[in-house]
Amino acid sequence: MGGHGHSSTPPPPGPHSPTPTYNQSHEAMSAARLPLSHRDTCAHLLIPLNFCRRQTFYMPSQCGHERHIYEECEYNAYLQRVNMKSELQKK
């Protein structure tokens, strides 16, 4: 009955994978009018989430799957930053 959980092996990359990516399209982020503060490694998931939100007039019961994937990506990016920081402190 559980969800995915967070294992040590990342899911395979794909268009809607919660894996943070560093090769974002600046043109796509600009066209989607993302604020500069949200143009990070998970912006590729925020674009379809915001599109879904606009289409459904920001109904809280809609776009749950897109929101979950985006939040999981943000969490995975946070874990990557924590791991990089701990590796720097070990040196």
Protein backbone atom coordinates (compact mmCIF):
# COMPACT_ATOMS: atom_id res chain seq x y z
CA MET A 1 0.00 0.00 0.00
CA GLY A 2 2.88 2.42 -0.08
CA GLY A 3 4.07 4.89 -2.58
CA HIS A 4 7.37 4.92 -4.34
CA GLY A 5 9.44 5.86 -1.36
CA HIS A 6 12.91 7.20 -1.84
CA SER A 7 15.42 4.58 -2.71
CA SER A 8 19.07 5.03 -3.53
CA THR A 9 18.52 4.24 -7.21
CA PRO A 10 16.97 7.09 -9.17
CA PRO A 11 14.13 6.40 -11.60
CA PRO A 12 14.96 6.25 -15.28
CA PRO A 13 15.07 9.69 -16.90
CA GLY A 14 12.10 10.64 -19.00
CA PRO A 15 9.96 13.64 -19.89
CA HIS A 16 8.08 13.47 -16.59
CA SER A 17 10.72 11.90 -14.38
CA PRO A 18 11.27 13.44 -10.93
CA THR A 19 15.01 13.48 -11.59
CA PRO A 20 16.57 16.96 -11.51
CA THR A 21 18.26 17.87 -14.79
CA TYR A 22 20.78 20.58 -15.50
CA ASN A 23 20.24 20.99 -19.24
CA GLN A 24 17.08 23.09 -19.21
CA SER A 25 15.81 24.96 -22.24
CA HIS A 26 16.04 28.67 -21.48
CA GLU A 27 13.73 29.43 -24.39
CA ALA A 28 11.02 27.12 -23.01
CA MET A 29 11.31 28.67 -19.54
CA SER A 30 11.12 32.13 -21.04
CA ALA A 31 8.12 31.22 -23.20
CA ALA A 32 6.34 29.77 -20.15
CA ARG A 33 7.09 33.01 -18.30
CA LEU A 34 8.63 31.27 -15.31
CA PRO A 35 9.99 33.66 -12.69
CA LEU A 36 13.77 33.65 -12.37
CA SER A 37 13.47 32.23 -8.86
CA HIS A 38 11.81 29.07 -10.23
CA ARG A 39 14.23 28.39 -13.07
CA ASP A 40 16.10 25.56 -11.41
CA THR A 41 16.75 21.89 -12.12
CA CYS A 42 13.04 21.04 -11.87
CA ALA A 43 11.71 23.76 -14.18
CA HIS A 44 11.01 21.15 -16.87
CA LEU A 45 8.26 19.83 -14.58
CA LEU A 46 6.95 23.21 -13.45
CA ILE A 47 6.04 24.22 -17.01
CA PRO A 48 3.42 21.46 -17.51
CA LEU A 49 2.22 21.90 -13.91
CA ASN A 50 1.55 25.61 -14.45
CA PHE A 51 -0.12 24.86 -17.79
CA CYS A 52 -2.44 22.36 -16.07
CA ARG A 53 -3.15 24.87 -13.30
CA ARG A 54 -4.13 27.55 -15.81
CA GLN A 55 -6.35 25.13 -17.75
CA THR A 56 -8.24 24.07 -14.61
CA PHE A 57 -8.44 27.56 -13.08
CA TYR A 58 -6.15 26.52 -10.19
CA MET A 59 -8.62 23.97 -8.80
CA PRO A 60 -6.92 22.25 -5.83
CA SER A 61 -8.32 18.84 -6.77
CA GLN A 62 -6.79 18.96 -10.25
CA CYS A 63 -3.17 18.52 -11.41
CA GLY A 64 -2.28 16.35 -8.42
CA HIS A 65 -0.01 14.03 -10.39
CA GLU A 66 1.97 16.87 -11.94
CA ARG A 67 2.29 18.57 -8.57
CA HIS A 68 3.52 15.35 -6.92
CA ILE A 69 6.18 14.80 -9.58
CA TYR A 70 7.37 18.41 -9.30
CA GLU A 71 7.57 18.28 -5.51
CA GLU A 72 9.42 14.95 -5.64
CA CYS A 73 11.92 16.47 -8.06
CA GLU A 74 12.45 19.43 -5.73
CA TYR A 75 13.03 17.01 -2.84
CA ASN A 76 15.51 14.97 -4.90
CA ALA A 77 17.35 18.18 -5.84
CA TYR A 78 17.51 19.08 -2.14
CA LEU A 79 18.98 15.66 -1.33
CA GLN A 80 21.59 16.12 -4.05
CA ARG A 81 22.61 19.48 -2.56
CA VAL A 82 22.84 17.97 0.93
CA ASN A 83 25.03 15.13 -0.37
CA MET A 84 27.30 17.55 -2.23
CA LYS A 85 27.63 19.69 0.90
CA SER A 86 28.52 16.71 3.09
CA GLU A 87 31.13 15.57 0.53
CA LEU A 88 32.67 19.06 0.55
CA GLN A 89 32.81 19.05 4.35
CA LYS A 90 34.58 15.68 4.35
CA LYS A 91 37.45 17.11 2.30
